[in-house]
């Protein structure tokens, strides 16, 4: 859930809540004020960005990926960060997928001098076209192959972005959320020289199987796929999960990281405290920046060395 979705939901509920108890009414007002403050902060960040809209041809899907590029102030060229969204196996939900925004992490990266690229992969929203990332089943989920499908689209976006005049001709920071993070790890496993490092926010596939929280499709296959990626990955990776992630809980996320590392991958795994009501939405939480921001600062410093 994005900040805009959360705040819209909160404002819709204020009238109903105020008819209950004074405590609930006060809580609703406080939530509304917090949303106003957070929304103002995001709006102020966005006012400092310059925005470009790109149509990136996807040779695999024969469509153009709708992509936003957010630029910091200054003439550039800038180092690039490509942020990658999640997915769903539900075709109707994918058709309604919104354009990726990631205001919190995007504003942080822009403040640190990065141009941020936000591609919408084939099979989602306005990009449309065939879906290239299906796991195909639950019990026999093809997690590695699904990640490679996302990786193809991410690489296409990177190649296009590096040809633009706003881009520094240097390796790219790849950031992902959920299935987008899984695709970023898959891309890292190909040993591409264009990748400086990967930041994984809540990455994985198969969570909430059959709509149930804390239930995963074939988790052992997910762990095996993480090992497959780690075997050939060269770029350093930074993994963030929250203790209250109901898609990929602490035990599963740590086992994935251990498998990636044991196979030869470079992992800095960080389990963060509970974030909000659903830790899988970690990347959207402005309050969580104080948890991951200093760690990312150090990670970026090591990438520059």
Protein backbone atom coordinates (compact mmCIF):
# COMPACT_ATOMS: atom_id res chain seq x y z
CA UNK A 1 0.00 0.00 0.00
CA UNK A 2 1.38 3.41 -0.95
CA UNK A 3 1.35 6.54 1.19
CA UNK A 4 -1.40 7.99 -0.98
CA UNK A 5 -3.53 4.87 -0.66
CA UNK A 6 -3.05 4.71 3.11
CA UNK A 7 -3.88 8.35 3.66
CA UNK A 8 -6.90 8.23 1.38
CA UNK A 9 -8.15 5.23 3.33
CA UNK A 10 -7.61 7.07 6.62
CA UNK A 11 -9.47 10.20 5.54
CA UNK A 12 -12.41 8.13 4.33
CA UNK A 13 -12.69 6.54 7.77
CA UNK A 14 -12.53 9.66 9.93
CA UNK A 15 -16.26 10.41 9.85
CA UNK A 16 -17.17 6.84 10.76
CA UNK A 17 -14.64 6.71 13.57
CA UNK A 18 -15.72 9.96 15.14
CA UNK A 19 -19.18 8.50 15.77
CA UNK A 20 -17.69 5.81 18.04
CA UNK A 21 -15.53 6.76 21.01
CA UNK A 22 -13.56 9.89 21.78
CA UNK A 23 -10.37 7.85 21.83
CA UNK A 24 -10.99 6.51 18.37
CA UNK A 25 -11.92 9.95 17.12
CA UNK A 26 -8.69 11.38 18.50
CA UNK A 27 -6.69 8.54 16.93
CA UNK A 28 -8.33 9.20 13.59
CA UNK A 29 -7.52 12.92 13.75
CA UNK A 30 -3.90 12.19 14.70
CA UNK A 31 -3.59 9.74 11.80
CA UNK A 32 -5.01 12.35 9.44
CA UNK A 33 -2.56 14.99 10.65
CA UNK A 34 0.35 12.57 10.25
CA UNK A 35 -0.77 11.84 6.71
CA UNK A 36 -1.00 15.56 5.96
CA UNK A 37 2.53 16.06 7.25
CA UNK A 38 3.89 13.07 5.33
CA UNK A 39 2.03 14.11 2.19
CA UNK A 40 3.42 17.63 2.48
CA UNK A 41 6.95 16.22 2.81
CA UNK A 42 6.47 14.06 -0.30
CA UNK A 43 5.02 17.03 -2.21
CA UNK A 44 7.97 19.20 -1.21
CA UNK A 45 10.37 16.48 -2.37
CA UNK A 46 8.53 16.11 -5.68
CA UNK A 47 8.67 19.85 -6.26
CA UNK A 48 12.47 19.61 -6.32
CA UNK A 49 12.49 16.81 -8.89
CA UNK A 50 12.56 17.12 -12.64
CA UNK A 51 10.55 14.42 -14.31
CA UNK A 52 10.90 12.78 -17.69
CA UNK A 53 8.58 10.17 -19.19
CA UNK A 54 10.15 7.46 -21.30
CA UNK A 55 8.77 4.67 -23.48
CA UNK A 56 11.33 1.88 -23.38
CA UNK A 57 10.96 -0.78 -26.08
CA UNK A 58 10.86 -4.32 -24.68
CA UNK A 59 12.15 -6.77 -27.29
CA UNK A 60 10.85 -9.74 -25.28
CA UNK A 61 7.28 -8.46 -24.89
CA UNK A 62 7.03 -6.31 -28.03
CA UNK A 63 5.63 -3.42 -25.98
CA UNK A 64 6.99 -0.14 -24.62
CA UNK A 65 7.57 0.03 -20.88
CA UNK A 66 6.06 3.15 -19.34
CA UNK A 67 8.91 4.63 -17.34
CA UNK A 68 9.43 7.72 -15.21
CA UNK A 69 12.87 9.27 -14.70
CA UNK A 70 13.24 11.59 -11.70
CA UNK A 71 16.22 13.92 -11.77
CA UNK A 72 17.88 15.89 -8.98
CA UNK A 73 18.72 19.55 -9.39
CA UNK A 74 21.83 20.37 -11.37
CA UNK A 75 23.06 19.79 -14.89
CA UNK A 76 24.11 16.17 -14.57
CA UNK A 77 24.94 13.65 -15.76
CA UNK A 78 23.94 11.66 -12.66
CA UNK A 79 24.55 8.19 -11.30
CA UNK A 80 21.50 5.99 -11.89
CA UNK A 81 19.28 4.03 -9.51
CA UNK A 82 16.61 1.81 -11.06
CA UNK A 83 13.73 0.92 -8.69
CA UNK A 84 11.61 -2.11 -9.54
CA UNK A 85 8.04 -2.82 -8.49
CA UNK A 86 6.33 -6.01 -7.27
CA UNK A 87 3.83 -8.19 -9.09
CA UNK A 88 0.85 -10.51 -8.74
CA UNK A 89 -0.19 -13.67 -10.56
CA UNK A 90 -3.74 -12.25 -10.76
CA UNK A 91 -4.25 -10.98 -14.32
CA UNK A 92 -7.05 -8.54 -13.44
CA UNK A 93 -5.00 -6.99 -10.64
CA UNK A 94 -1.95 -6.66 -12.89
CA UNK A 95 -4.05 -4.84 -15.50
CA UNK A 96 -4.89 -2.22 -12.87
CA UNK A 97 -1.32 -1.95 -11.60
CA UNK A 98 -0.45 1.71 -10.95
CA UNK A 99 2.65 3.39 -12.29
CA UNK A 100 5.46 2.76 -9.80
CA UNK A 101 6.32 5.70 -7.56
CA UNK A 102 8.23 4.72 -4.40
CA UNK A 103 8.26 8.33 -3.20
CA UNK A 104 10.13 7.64 0.06
CA UNK A 105 13.14 5.77 -1.31
CA UNK A 106 13.15 7.81 -4.53
CA UNK A 107 13.37 11.10 -2.61
CA UNK A 108 16.18 9.67 -0.45
CA UNK A 109 18.19 8.62 -3.50
CA UNK A 110 17.59 11.90 -5.32
CA UNK A 111 18.78 13.78 -2.23
CA UNK A 112 21.97 11.71 -2.50
CA UNK A 113 22.52 12.75 -6.11
CA UNK A 114 20.97 9.85 -8.01
CA UNK A 115 18.66 10.02 -10.98
CA UNK A 116 15.89 7.51 -10.29
CA UNK A 117 14.37 5.37 -13.04
CA UNK A 118 10.98 3.71 -12.44
CA UNK A 119 10.07 1.23 -15.20
CA UNK A 120 6.73 -0.54 -15.35
CA UNK A 121 7.45 -4.04 -16.62
CA UNK A 122 5.46 -5.89 -19.31
CA UNK A 123 2.21 -7.47 -18.19
CA UNK A 124 1.45 -4.63 -15.76
CA UNK A 125 -0.78 -1.57 -15.94
CA UNK A 126 -0.43 0.79 -18.89
CA UNK A 127 2.62 -1.05 -20.22
CA UNK A 128 0.46 -4.11 -20.88
CA UNK A 129 1.61 -6.93 -23.11
CA UNK A 130 2.47 -10.50 -22.12
CA UNK A 131 3.38 -11.40 -18.55
CA UNK A 132 6.95 -12.69 -18.44
CA UNK A 133 7.27 -13.51 -14.73
CA UNK A 134 4.77 -16.25 -13.92
CA UNK A 135 5.76 -18.94 -11.42
CA UNK A 136 3.11 -21.08 -13.20
CA UNK A 137 2.04 -23.11 -10.15
CA UNK A 138 2.22 -23.12 -6.38
CA UNK A 139 3.56 -26.56 -5.43
CA UNK A 140 6.04 -26.58 -8.32
CA UNK A 141 6.70 -22.85 -8.55
CA UNK A 142 9.37 -21.82 -11.06
CA UNK A 143 10.90 -19.14 -8.89
CA UNK A 144 14.28 -18.87 -10.58
CA UNK A 145 12.73 -18.67 -14.06
CA UNK A 146 10.15 -16.09 -12.94
CA UNK A 147 12.95 -13.92 -11.58
CA UNK A 148 14.85 -14.16 -14.85
CA UNK A 149 11.73 -12.94 -16.66
CA UNK A 150 11.73 -9.80 -14.51
CA UNK A 151 15.51 -9.49 -14.88
CA UNK A 152 15.21 -9.28 -18.67
CA UNK A 153 12.95 -6.23 -18.36
CA UNK A 154 15.14 -4.61 -15.71
CA UNK A 155 18.23 -5.03 -17.90
CA UNK A 156 16.37 -3.51 -20.85
CA UNK A 157 15.52 -0.47 -18.71
CA UNK A 158 19.13 -0.13 -17.54
CA UNK A 159 20.52 -0.33 -21.08
CA UNK A 160 18.08 2.33 -22.28
CA UNK A 161 18.73 4.63 -19.31
CA UNK A 162 22.50 4.46 -19.79
CA UNK A 163 22.08 5.73 -23.35
CA UNK A 164 20.38 8.91 -22.14
CA UNK A 165 22.35 12.15 -21.67
CA UNK A 166 21.26 12.42 -18.02
CA UNK A 167 23.16 9.22 -17.11
CA UNK A 168 26.73 8.88 -15.89
CA UNK A 169 28.48 6.11 -17.74
CA UNK A 170 29.10 4.00 -14.67
CA UNK A 171 27.56 0.99 -12.98
CA UNK A 172 23.96 1.28 -11.83
CA UNK A 173 22.36 0.81 -8.40
CA UNK A 174 19.45 -1.63 -8.71
CA UNK A 175 16.72 -1.40 -6.06
CA UNK A 176 13.66 -3.60 -5.84
CA UNK A 177 10.55 -4.25 -3.79
CA UNK A 178 9.05 -7.72 -3.39
CA UNK A 179 9.05 -9.41 -6.84
CA UNK A 180 11.04 -6.44 -8.19
CA UNK A 181 13.78 -7.18 -5.65
CA UNK A 182 13.67 -10.85 -6.62
CA UNK A 183 14.14 -9.83 -10.26
CA UNK A 184 17.06 -7.61 -9.23
CA UNK A 185 18.74 -10.58 -7.53
CA UNK A 186 18.13 -12.67 -10.63
CA UNK A 187 19.77 -9.96 -12.70
CA UNK A 188 22.75 -9.85 -10.33
CA UNK A 189 23.16 -13.61 -10.85
CA UNK A 190 23.96 -12.98 -14.51
CA UNK A 191 27.11 -11.14 -13.50
CA UNK A 192 26.28 -8.05 -15.52
CA UNK A 193 29.05 -5.46 -15.42
CA UNK A 194 26.45 -2.70 -15.51
CA UNK A 195 25.36 -3.38 -11.89
CA UNK A 196 27.14 -1.71 -8.98
CA UNK A 197 24.99 -3.29 -6.27
CA UNK A 198 21.49 -4.44 -5.36
CA UNK A 199 19.22 -3.27 -2.54
CA UNK A 200 16.51 -5.81 -1.80
CA UNK A 201 13.44 -4.53 0.07
CA UNK A 202 11.23 -7.48 1.11
CA UNK A 203 12.16 -9.55 -1.92
CA UNK A 204 10.65 -12.86 -2.94
CA UNK A 205 7.79 -14.62 -4.69
CA UNK A 206 4.94 -16.88 -3.58
CA UNK A 207 3.90 -14.98 -0.46
CA UNK A 208 0.31 -14.95 0.78
CA UNK A 209 -0.40 -18.16 -1.09
CA UNK A 210 -4.14 -18.69 -1.60
CA UNK A 211 -4.61 -15.28 0.00
CA UNK A 212 -3.38 -16.36 3.44
CA UNK A 213 -0.88 -14.27 5.42
CA UNK A 214 2.29 -16.07 6.52
CA UNK A 215 1.71 -18.84 3.98
CA UNK A 216 4.14 -19.38 1.12
CA UNK A 217 4.03 -21.51 -1.99
CA UNK A 218 6.81 -24.09 -1.87
CA UNK A 219 9.21 -22.11 0.36
CA UNK A 220 11.98 -24.69 -0.07
CA UNK A 221 11.92 -24.02 -3.81
CA UNK A 222 12.29 -20.30 -3.08
CA UNK A 223 15.34 -21.02 -0.94
CA UNK A 224 16.81 -23.24 -3.65
CA UNK A 225 16.30 -20.46 -6.20
CA UNK A 226 18.10 -18.00 -3.90
CA UNK A 227 21.05 -20.41 -3.85
CA UNK A 228 20.93 -20.62 -7.64
CA UNK A 229 21.19 -16.83 -7.86
CA UNK A 230 23.96 -16.63 -5.26
CA UNK A 231 26.09 -19.13 -7.15
CA UNK A 232 26.81 -16.71 -9.99
CA UNK A 233 26.07 -13.26 -8.52
CA UNK A 234 29.03 -10.90 -8.43
CA UNK A 235 27.59 -7.58 -7.21
CA UNK A 236 27.20 -6.93 -3.48
CA UNK A 237 23.63 -7.10 -2.20
CA UNK A 238 21.90 -5.50 0.78
CA UNK A 239 18.72 -7.21 2.03
CA UNK A 240 16.05 -5.53 4.18
CA UNK A 241 13.12 -7.37 5.72
CA UNK A 242 10.84 -6.43 8.58
CA UNK A 243 10.00 -8.65 11.54
CA UNK A 244 6.28 -8.30 10.75
CA UNK A 245 6.44 -9.10 7.03
CA UNK A 246 3.53 -11.48 6.48
CA UNK A 247 4.74 -12.43 2.98
CA UNK A 248 8.31 -13.41 3.85
CA UNK A 249 8.69 -13.82 7.59
CA UNK A 250 12.00 -13.66 9.47
CA UNK A 251 12.73 -17.39 9.29
CA UNK A 252 12.14 -17.60 5.54
CA UNK A 253 13.97 -14.39 4.63
CA UNK A 254 17.00 -15.40 6.70
CA UNK A 255 17.06 -18.85 5.10
CA UNK A 256 16.99 -17.24 1.65
CA UNK A 257 19.88 -14.96 2.57
CA UNK A 258 21.87 -17.87 4.03
CA UNK A 259 21.31 -19.91 0.86
CA UNK A 260 22.41 -17.01 -1.37
CA UNK A 261 25.52 -16.48 0.78
CA UNK A 262 26.43 -20.17 1.12
CA UNK A 263 26.34 -20.50 -2.65
CA UNK A 264 28.88 -17.69 -3.01
CA UNK A 265 26.77 -14.53 -3.15
CA UNK A 266 27.66 -11.37 -1.25
CA UNK A 267 24.87 -10.58 1.25
CA UNK A 268 24.38 -8.05 4.01
CA UNK A 269 21.09 -9.25 5.55
CA UNK A 270 19.23 -6.90 7.91
CA UNK A 271 16.08 -7.88 9.78
CA UNK A 272 14.44 -4.63 10.88
CA UNK A 273 11.94 -4.22 13.73
CA UNK A 274 8.21 -4.32 12.94
CA UNK A 275 7.18 -1.52 10.57
CA UNK A 276 3.57 -0.34 10.74
CA UNK A 277 0.82 -2.93 10.46
CA UNK A 278 2.48 -4.82 7.58
CA UNK A 279 6.24 -5.06 7.32
CA UNK A 280 6.08 -6.06 3.65
CA UNK A 281 5.29 -2.38 2.95
CA UNK A 282 8.63 -1.38 4.47
CA UNK A 283 9.76 0.49 1.36
CA UNK A 284 6.76 2.85 1.58
CA UNK A 285 7.30 3.85 5.22
CA UNK A 286 8.83 7.27 5.80
CA UNK A 287 9.35 6.39 9.46
CA UNK A 288 11.48 3.39 8.44
CA UNK A 289 14.08 5.61 6.72
CA UNK A 290 15.79 6.11 10.08
CA UNK A 291 16.27 2.31 10.19
CA UNK A 292 17.62 1.67 6.70
CA UNK A 293 19.01 5.09 5.70
CA UNK A 294 22.32 4.93 7.62
CA UNK A 295 22.89 1.36 6.44
CA UNK A 296 22.35 2.33 2.82
CA UNK A 297 24.72 5.29 3.28
CA UNK A 298 27.50 2.88 4.25
CA UNK A 299 26.60 0.47 1.45
CA UNK A 300 26.81 3.22 -1.17
CA UNK A 301 30.17 4.32 0.24
CA UNK A 302 31.55 0.80 -0.25
CA UNK A 303 30.25 0.74 -3.83
CA UNK A 304 32.26 3.88 -4.63
CA UNK A 305 35.53 2.47 -3.29
